[in-house]
Protein backbone atom coordinates (compact mmCIF):
# COMPACT_ATOMS: atom_id res chain seq x y z
CA UNK A 1 0.00 0.00 0.00
CA UNK A 2 1.45 3.36 -1.00
CA UNK A 3 0.88 6.65 0.73
CA UNK A 4 0.32 10.04 -0.88
CA UNK A 5 3.63 11.80 -1.39
CA UNK A 6 5.24 14.64 -3.30
CA UNK A 7 8.52 12.81 -3.03
CA UNK A 8 9.41 9.65 -1.16
CA UNK A 9 12.62 9.01 0.77
CA UNK A 10 14.66 5.94 -0.08
CA UNK A 11 13.27 3.86 2.78
CA UNK A 12 9.85 5.49 2.91
CA UNK A 13 10.46 7.03 6.34
CA UNK A 14 10.05 10.69 7.16
CA UNK A 15 13.50 12.28 7.51
CA UNK A 16 12.63 13.72 10.93
CA UNK A 17 10.61 10.97 12.59
CA UNK A 18 9.68 7.30 12.05
CA UNK A 19 6.36 7.59 10.23
CA UNK A 20 6.24 5.94 6.82
CA UNK A 21 4.62 6.93 3.57
CA UNK A 22 2.98 3.48 3.42
CA UNK A 23 0.25 4.88 5.69
CA UNK A 24 -2.30 6.89 3.67
CA UNK A 25 -2.43 9.43 6.53
CA UNK A 26 1.28 10.19 6.09
CA UNK A 27 2.39 12.55 3.29
CA UNK A 28 6.01 13.42 2.60
CA UNK A 29 6.86 16.78 1.04
CA UNK A 30 9.71 17.33 -1.43
CA UNK A 31 12.19 17.49 1.45
CA UNK A 32 11.00 14.08 2.67
CA UNK A 33 9.38 15.49 5.84
CA UNK A 34 5.95 14.21 6.84
CA UNK A 35 2.81 16.25 7.40
CA UNK A 36 2.79 15.35 11.11
CA UNK A 37 6.25 16.86 11.65
CA UNK A 38 5.34 19.95 9.64
CA UNK A 39 2.11 20.38 11.61
CA UNK A 40 3.93 20.06 14.93
CA UNK A 41 6.58 22.56 13.80
CA UNK A 42 3.92 25.07 12.79
CA UNK A 43 2.07 24.67 16.08
CA UNK A 44 5.23 25.04 18.15
CA UNK A 45 6.20 28.21 16.32
CA UNK A 46 2.70 29.59 16.84
CA UNK A 47 2.63 28.49 20.50
CA UNK A 48 -0.63 26.58 20.07
CA UNK A 49 0.46 22.94 20.35
CA UNK A 50 -2.71 20.86 20.79
CA UNK A 51 -4.73 23.90 21.90
CA UNK A 52 -7.01 23.82 18.89
CA UNK A 53 -7.95 20.14 19.31
CA UNK A 54 -8.34 20.37 23.08
CA UNK A 55 -10.44 23.53 23.25
CA UNK A 56 -13.80 21.85 22.69
CA UNK A 57 -12.95 19.07 25.15
CA UNK A 58 -12.11 21.69 27.80
CA UNK A 59 -15.40 23.46 27.25
CA UNK A 60 -17.36 20.21 27.55
CA UNK A 61 -15.48 19.25 30.73
CA UNK A 62 -16.07 22.63 32.34
CA UNK A 63 -19.79 22.25 31.68
CA UNK A 64 -19.68 18.78 33.21
CA UNK A 65 -17.96 19.95 36.42
CA UNK A 66 -20.45 22.81 36.78
CA UNK A 67 -23.32 20.33 36.49
CA UNK A 68 -21.83 17.51 38.61
CA UNK A 69 -20.96 19.68 41.61
CA UNK A 70 -24.39 21.36 41.97
CA UNK A 71 -27.91 20.15 42.77
CA UNK A 72 -26.61 16.73 43.75
CA UNK A 73 -29.67 16.03 45.87
CA UNK A 74 -31.74 15.67 42.68
CA UNK A 75 -29.95 12.54 41.42
CA UNK A 76 -28.22 9.37 42.62
CA UNK A 77 -25.19 9.60 40.32
CA UNK A 78 -23.48 12.60 38.76
CA UNK A 79 -21.94 10.65 35.89
CA UNK A 80 -20.86 7.29 34.56
CA UNK A 81 -17.10 6.78 34.49
CA UNK A 82 -15.66 4.22 32.09
CA UNK A 83 -13.37 2.12 34.28
CA UNK A 84 -10.87 0.06 32.27
CA UNK A 85 -8.42 -0.91 35.01
CA UNK A 86 -5.69 1.28 33.55
CA UNK A 87 -3.93 4.08 35.40
CA UNK A 88 -5.90 6.89 33.71
CA UNK A 89 -9.36 5.64 34.64
CA UNK A 90 -8.33 4.68 38.20
CA UNK A 91 -6.59 8.00 38.88
CA UNK A 92 -9.53 10.00 37.53
CA UNK A 93 -12.08 7.92 39.47
CA UNK A 94 -10.17 8.59 42.68
CA UNK A 95 -9.92 12.31 41.88
CA UNK A 96 -13.64 12.69 41.13
CA UNK A 97 -14.57 11.05 44.42
CA UNK A 98 -12.04 12.51 46.85
CA UNK A 99 -11.04 15.86 45.38
CA UNK A 100 -14.05 16.93 43.33
CA UNK A 101 -16.73 15.30 45.53
CA UNK A 102 -18.50 13.92 42.47
CA UNK A 103 -20.46 10.66 42.65
CA UNK A 104 -19.67 8.43 39.66
CA UNK A 105 -21.19 5.13 38.70
CA UNK A 106 -18.26 3.09 37.38
CA UNK A 107 -18.86 1.10 34.18
CA UNK A 108 -16.76 -1.72 32.72
CA UNK A 109 -17.44 -3.76 29.62
CA UNK A 110 -16.30 -7.24 30.57
CA UNK A 111 -14.98 -8.39 27.20
CA UNK A 112 -13.01 -11.64 26.73
CA UNK A 113 -9.78 -9.83 25.75
CA UNK A 114 -9.48 -7.72 28.87
CA UNK A 115 -6.11 -8.36 30.55
CA UNK A 116 -6.05 -10.25 33.84
CA UNK A 117 -4.09 -7.39 35.40
CA UNK A 118 -6.77 -4.88 34.41
CA UNK A 119 -9.44 -7.07 36.04
CA UNK A 120 -7.37 -7.31 39.24
CA UNK A 121 -6.89 -3.54 39.26
CA UNK A 122 -10.63 -2.98 38.92
CA UNK A 123 -11.46 -5.33 41.78
CA UNK A 124 -8.87 -3.64 44.01
CA UNK A 125 -10.06 -0.09 43.32
CA UNK A 126 -13.73 -1.01 43.78
CA UNK A 127 -12.94 -2.47 47.20
CA UNK A 128 -10.75 0.48 48.22
CA UNK A 129 -13.04 3.26 47.00
CA UNK A 130 -16.41 1.61 47.62
CA UNK A 131 -17.85 2.92 44.38
CA UNK A 132 -20.97 1.49 42.71
CA UNK A 133 -20.07 -0.44 39.57
CA UNK A 134 -21.72 -2.01 36.52
CA UNK A 135 -19.88 -4.86 34.82
CA UNK A 136 -21.53 -5.59 31.48
CA UNK A 137 -20.71 -8.84 29.66
CA UNK A 138 -21.74 -8.75 25.98
CA UNK A 139 -22.84 -11.75 23.97
CA UNK A 140 -19.50 -13.37 23.07
CA UNK A 141 -20.61 -14.64 19.66
CA UNK A 142 -21.87 -11.21 18.62
CA UNK A 143 -18.79 -9.49 20.02
CA UNK A 144 -16.37 -11.80 18.19
CA UNK A 145 -18.39 -11.46 14.99
CA UNK A 146 -18.02 -7.71 15.29
CA UNK A 147 -14.25 -7.96 15.84
CA UNK A 148 -13.76 -10.48 13.05
CA UNK A 149 -15.48 -8.18 10.59
CA UNK A 150 -13.22 -5.28 11.64
CA UNK A 151 -9.97 -7.20 11.17
CA UNK A 152 -10.90 -8.85 7.86
CA UNK A 153 -12.67 -5.95 6.14
CA UNK A 154 -10.53 -5.25 3.08
CA UNK A 155 -11.92 -1.89 2.04
CA UNK A 156 -11.21 0.45 4.92
CA UNK A 157 -13.10 3.73 5.19
CA UNK A 158 -10.41 5.01 7.54
CA UNK A 159 -6.75 5.82 6.95
CA UNK A 160 -5.88 4.90 10.51
CA UNK A 161 -3.78 1.94 11.64
CA UNK A 162 -5.86 2.24 14.82
CA UNK A 163 -9.13 1.35 13.07
CA UNK A 164 -9.85 -1.95 14.90
CA UNK A 165 -9.20 -0.36 18.30
CA UNK A 166 -11.25 2.72 17.48
CA UNK A 167 -14.22 0.69 16.24
CA UNK A 168 -14.05 -1.65 19.24
CA UNK A 169 -13.89 1.32 21.63
CA UNK A 170 -16.99 2.67 19.88
CA UNK A 171 -18.79 -0.54 20.83
CA UNK A 172 -17.84 0.01 24.47
CA UNK A 173 -18.85 3.68 24.32
CA UNK A 174 -22.24 2.74 22.89
CA UNK A 175 -22.78 0.19 25.66
CA UNK A 176 -21.96 2.81 28.33
CA UNK A 177 -24.25 5.31 26.59
CA UNK A 178 -27.17 2.88 26.69
CA UNK A 179 -26.73 2.37 30.43
CA UNK A 180 -26.43 6.12 30.99
CA UNK A 181 -29.63 6.71 29.02
CA UNK A 182 -31.57 4.03 30.88
CA UNK A 183 -30.31 5.27 34.27
CA UNK A 184 -31.05 8.87 33.29
CA UNK A 185 -27.41 9.92 33.79
CA UNK A 186 -26.46 13.02 31.81
CA UNK A 187 -22.67 12.63 31.47
CA UNK A 188 -20.22 9.85 30.68
CA UNK A 189 -16.58 10.38 31.67
CA UNK A 190 -14.15 9.02 29.08
CA UNK A 191 -10.65 8.75 30.51
CA UNK A 192 -8.65 9.50 27.36
CA UNK A 193 -5.30 11.15 28.08
CA UNK A 194 -4.37 14.46 26.38
CA UNK A 195 -2.67 12.62 23.51
CA UNK A 196 -5.78 10.54 22.82
CA UNK A 197 -8.33 13.33 23.23
CA UNK A 198 -7.91 14.85 19.73
CA UNK A 199 -9.08 11.51 18.28
CA UNK A 200 -12.25 11.53 20.41
CA UNK A 201 -13.46 15.12 20.84
CA UNK A 202 -16.76 16.09 19.26
CA UNK A 203 -17.56 12.41 18.78
CA UNK A 204 -20.84 11.91 20.54
CA UNK A 205 -23.00 8.83 19.99
CA UNK A 206 -24.89 10.15 16.91
CA UNK A 207 -21.51 10.73 15.20
CA UNK A 208 -20.34 7.24 16.11
CA UNK A 209 -23.54 5.61 14.85
CA UNK A 210 -23.25 7.52 11.57
CA UNK A 211 -19.70 6.21 11.12
CA UNK A 212 -20.70 2.64 11.95
CA UNK A 213 -23.62 2.73 9.51
CA UNK A 214 -21.18 3.80 6.80
CA UNK A 215 -18.92 0.83 7.56
CA UNK A 216 -21.53 -1.83 8.34
CA UNK A 217 -24.98 -2.70 7.11
CA UNK A 218 -27.91 -1.73 9.32
CA UNK A 219 -28.80 -5.42 9.41
CA UNK A 220 -25.45 -6.28 10.99
CA UNK A 221 -25.71 -3.45 13.52
CA UNK A 222 -29.16 -4.68 14.55
CA UNK A 223 -27.67 -8.15 14.94
CA UNK A 224 -24.96 -6.70 17.23
CA UNK A 225 -26.98 -4.20 19.28
CA UNK A 226 -30.45 -5.80 19.07
CA UNK A 227 -33.53 -3.77 19.87
CA UNK A 228 -31.40 -0.92 21.23
CA UNK A 229 -30.65 0.11 17.63
CA UNK A 230 -34.02 1.90 17.56
CA UNK A 231 -32.89 4.02 20.49
CA UNK A 232 -29.50 4.68 18.88
CA UNK A 233 -30.86 5.60 15.45
CA UNK A 234 -33.37 8.13 16.74
CA UNK A 235 -32.07 11.24 18.45
CA UNK A 236 -33.41 11.37 21.98
CA UNK A 237 -34.58 14.46 23.84
CA UNK A 238 -32.12 13.90 26.71
CA UNK A 239 -28.98 12.35 25.27
CA UNK A 240 -26.06 11.57 27.63
CA UNK A 241 -22.88 13.39 26.63
CA UNK A 242 -19.28 12.20 26.66
CA UNK A 243 -16.70 14.40 28.39
CA UNK A 244 -12.89 14.23 28.57
CA UNK A 245 -11.67 15.72 31.90
CA UNK A 246 -7.98 15.20 31.15
CA UNK A 247 -8.31 18.11 28.74
CA UNK A 248 -8.33 20.33 31.83
CA UNK A 249 -5.03 18.88 33.06
CA UNK A 250 -2.19 20.36 30.96
CA UNK A 251 0.41 18.99 33.38
CA UNK A 252 -0.61 15.37 32.74
CA UNK A 253 2.25 13.18 33.93
CA UNK A 254 1.69 9.40 33.88
CA UNK A 255 4.73 8.65 36.02
CA UNK A 256 3.54 10.99 38.77
CA UNK A 257 0.03 9.54 38.56
CA UNK A 258 1.27 5.97 38.92
CA UNK A 259 3.44 6.94 41.90
CA UNK A 260 0.42 8.55 43.60
CA UNK A 261 -1.77 5.51 42.95
CA UNK A 262 0.86 3.05 44.18
CA UNK A 263 1.37 5.10 47.34
CA UNK A 264 -2.35 4.77 48.04
CA UNK A 265 -2.35 1.07 47.08
CA UNK A 266 -4.75 1.65 44.18
CA UNK A 267 -2.48 0.50 41.36
CA UNK A 268 0.41 -1.94 41.32
CA UNK A 269 1.23 -2.75 37.70
CA UNK A 270 2.76 -1.22 34.59
CA UNK A 271 0.61 0.19 31.76
CA UNK A 272 1.70 -2.55 29.38
CA UNK A 273 0.07 -5.20 31.60
CA UNK A 274 -3.34 -3.52 31.42
CA UNK A 275 -3.51 -3.29 27.64
CA UNK A 276 -6.14 -5.30 25.80
CA UNK A 277 -4.80 -8.76 24.98
CA UNK A 278 -5.60 -8.11 21.29
CA UNK A 279 -2.55 -5.82 21.05
CA UNK A 280 -0.36 -8.35 19.16
CA UNK A 281 -3.13 -8.79 16.60
CA UNK A 282 -3.48 -5.01 16.39
CA UNK A 283 0.25 -4.80 15.69
CA UNK A 284 0.01 -7.47 13.00
CA UNK A 285 -2.93 -5.67 11.40
CA UNK A 286 -1.10 -2.32 11.48
CA UNK A 287 2.05 -3.79 9.95
CA UNK A 288 0.24 -5.65 7.20
CA UNK A 289 -2.07 -2.76 6.29
CA UNK A 290 0.21 0.23 6.91
CA UNK A 291 3.76 -1.09 7.52
CA UNK A 292 3.87 0.41 11.01
CA UNK A 293 3.26 -0.72 14.57
CA UNK A 294 0.04 0.15 16.36
CA UNK A 295 1.76 2.75 18.57
CA UNK A 296 4.14 4.15 15.94
CA UNK A 297 2.55 7.61 16.07
CA UNK A 298 3.28 7.81 19.80
CA UNK A 299 6.82 6.52 19.21
CA UNK A 300 7.24 9.22 16.55
CA UNK A 301 6.57 11.86 19.21
CA UNK A 302 9.41 10.43 21.30
CA UNK A 303 11.73 10.67 18.29
CA UNK A 304 10.72 14.28 17.60
CA UNK A 305 11.32 15.22 21.23
CA UNK A 306 14.76 13.61 21.20
CA UNK A 307 13.91 10.94 23.78
CA UNK A 308 15.00 8.15 21.43
CA UNK A 309 17.50 8.19 18.51
CA UNK A 310 15.69 8.08 15.17
CA UNK A 311 17.92 5.65 13.27
CA UNK A 312 18.22 3.23 16.18
CA UNK A 313 14.47 3.14 16.58
CA UNK A 314 13.93 2.55 12.86
CA UNK A 315 16.25 -0.46 13.08
CA UNK A 316 14.24 -1.71 16.06
CA UNK A 317 10.95 -1.25 14.17
CA UNK A 318 12.22 -3.19 11.16
CA UNK A 319 13.30 -6.09 13.37
CA UNK A 320 10.00 -6.00 15.29
CA UNK A 321 8.00 -6.08 12.05
CA UNK A 322 10.00 -9.06 10.82
CA UNK A 323 9.27 -10.88 14.09
CA UNK A 324 5.53 -10.30 13.79
CA UNK A 325 5.27 -11.21 10.11
CA UNK A 326 7.69 -14.17 9.96
CA UNK A 327 8.07 -15.64 13.46
CA UNK A 328 4.96 -14.89 15.56
CA UNK A 329 2.68 -16.36 12.86
CA UNK A 330 4.33 -19.79 13.01
CA UNK A 331 2.78 -22.89 14.56
CA UNK A 332 6.02 -23.71 16.34
CA UNK A 333 8.58 -21.09 17.39
CA UNK A 334 12.10 -22.37 17.98
CA UNK A 335 14.18 -21.59 21.04
CA UNK A 336 16.61 -19.57 18.90
CA UNK A 337 13.69 -17.51 17.59
CA UNK A 338 12.42 -16.93 21.12
CA UNK A 339 15.89 -15.78 22.12
CA UNK A 340 15.93 -13.40 19.15
CA UNK A 341 12.57 -11.93 20.21
CA UNK A 342 13.94 -11.19 23.68
CA UNK A 343 17.06 -9.61 22.22
CA UNK A 344 15.03 -7.28 20.01
CA UNK A 345 12.72 -6.30 22.88
CA UNK A 346 15.72 -5.49 25.07
CA UNK A 347 16.15 -2.32 23.01
CA UNK A 348 12.90 -0.98 24.50
CA UNK A 349 13.39 -2.36 27.98
CA UNK A 350 16.95 -1.67 29.14
CA UNK A 351 16.57 -2.90 32.73
CA UNK A 352 17.34 -6.62 33.15
CA UNK A 353 14.25 -8.55 34.31
CA UNK A 354 11.85 -5.74 33.35
CA UNK A 355 8.31 -7.14 33.70
CA UNK A 356 7.19 -5.13 30.65
CA UNK A 357 9.63 -7.05 28.44
CA UNK A 358 8.33 -10.38 29.72
CA UNK A 359 4.74 -9.28 29.19
CA UNK A 360 5.33 -8.13 25.60
CA UNK A 361 7.33 -11.28 24.87
CA UNK A 362 4.38 -13.46 25.94
CA UNK A 363 2.01 -11.31 23.89
CA UNK A 364 4.04 -11.91 20.74
CA UNK A 365 4.08 -15.67 21.33
CA UNK A 366 0.31 -15.52 21.81
CA UNK A 367 -0.48 -13.97 18.40
CA UNK A 368 -1.59 -17.17 16.68
CA UNK A 369 -3.77 -18.25 19.62
CA UNK A 370 -5.59 -14.90 19.67
CA UNK A 371 -6.13 -14.96 15.91
CA UNK A 372 -7.52 -18.48 16.04
CA UNK A 373 -9.88 -17.54 18.89
CA UNK A 374 -11.53 -15.07 16.50
CA UNK A 375 -11.59 -17.66 13.71
CA UNK A 376 -9.35 -15.43 11.58
CA UNK A 377 -6.67 -16.58 9.17
CA UNK A 378 -3.63 -14.37 8.65
CA UNK A 379 -4.24 -14.11 4.90
CA UNK A 380 -7.73 -12.70 5.64
CA UNK A 381 -6.37 -9.65 7.45
């Protein structure tokens, strides 16, 4: 798959970061610099980095706080908070309760690919904070049918390597919306961090349904969501709204947050361990469709900021892609190949015995099992 370019570099990579022209969202100019780098440069020079994309999210969050902290005697809950078991949702849940004095109803979609660590984190925080919680388990056959369609759909209406994750998260957002509507709760707190917010702002449920109808048939959506499709297709008088409170926190620092949570015994894991277990399949999909890893855009930010050397990281990416496409797909992986996987991962995880390395190593070895659980063949992706 070729991207749109004025002029490509020899290896297809942007000369300033690690994004490749193989992704339709990436365009290289005649100097071989991508549109993402040029956009970031323009915003830095203008002093408005991320301000344009975060402005609407800030406004929505301010409206939410004004609502949630007044007239509390007229309702049982002030919002639904989407609790995933990751650091962002746990930290924000704790903040709403203890600092903002807001009464959330926690919501978790109990899907089969939720990590064991995320489940343990959720159980711990529920016990510690004593918050009311809804755990919704969808019909597994319908859920897997939905995921299978996402990963095997050849004609993509999106230029994003994140498409499967975005569409799956839409499913979860719709489920939370339906509970909020039925419980007459006006706001749903979505715990996207400042980097993720630009991908989610201004996307309320009617927008999401419109996108899904463009990508699926109405018949399939009815099969997935059942009778609730009538509620989703018709705009309601009192529609719950999604809000993104991290937009109001310009000093977002994940390391500080994790330290605070660990000190209060609310979180005792690393972010890698709470990721969805579909991540290796998401990486495979991203490589095959766009020749990049699922998190390459985030890695590109680290390269631009100087945190990691560009050429070294490109070499790591090329080795990682080869592992996913030629080794992880095999029925039997040899001991030498397993050793090679660990050696490649050691570039990311410098500390000997780092639990994140071990976790990612096991994820890679689990690729074929995950793919088979969804009844997907690699050549269908």
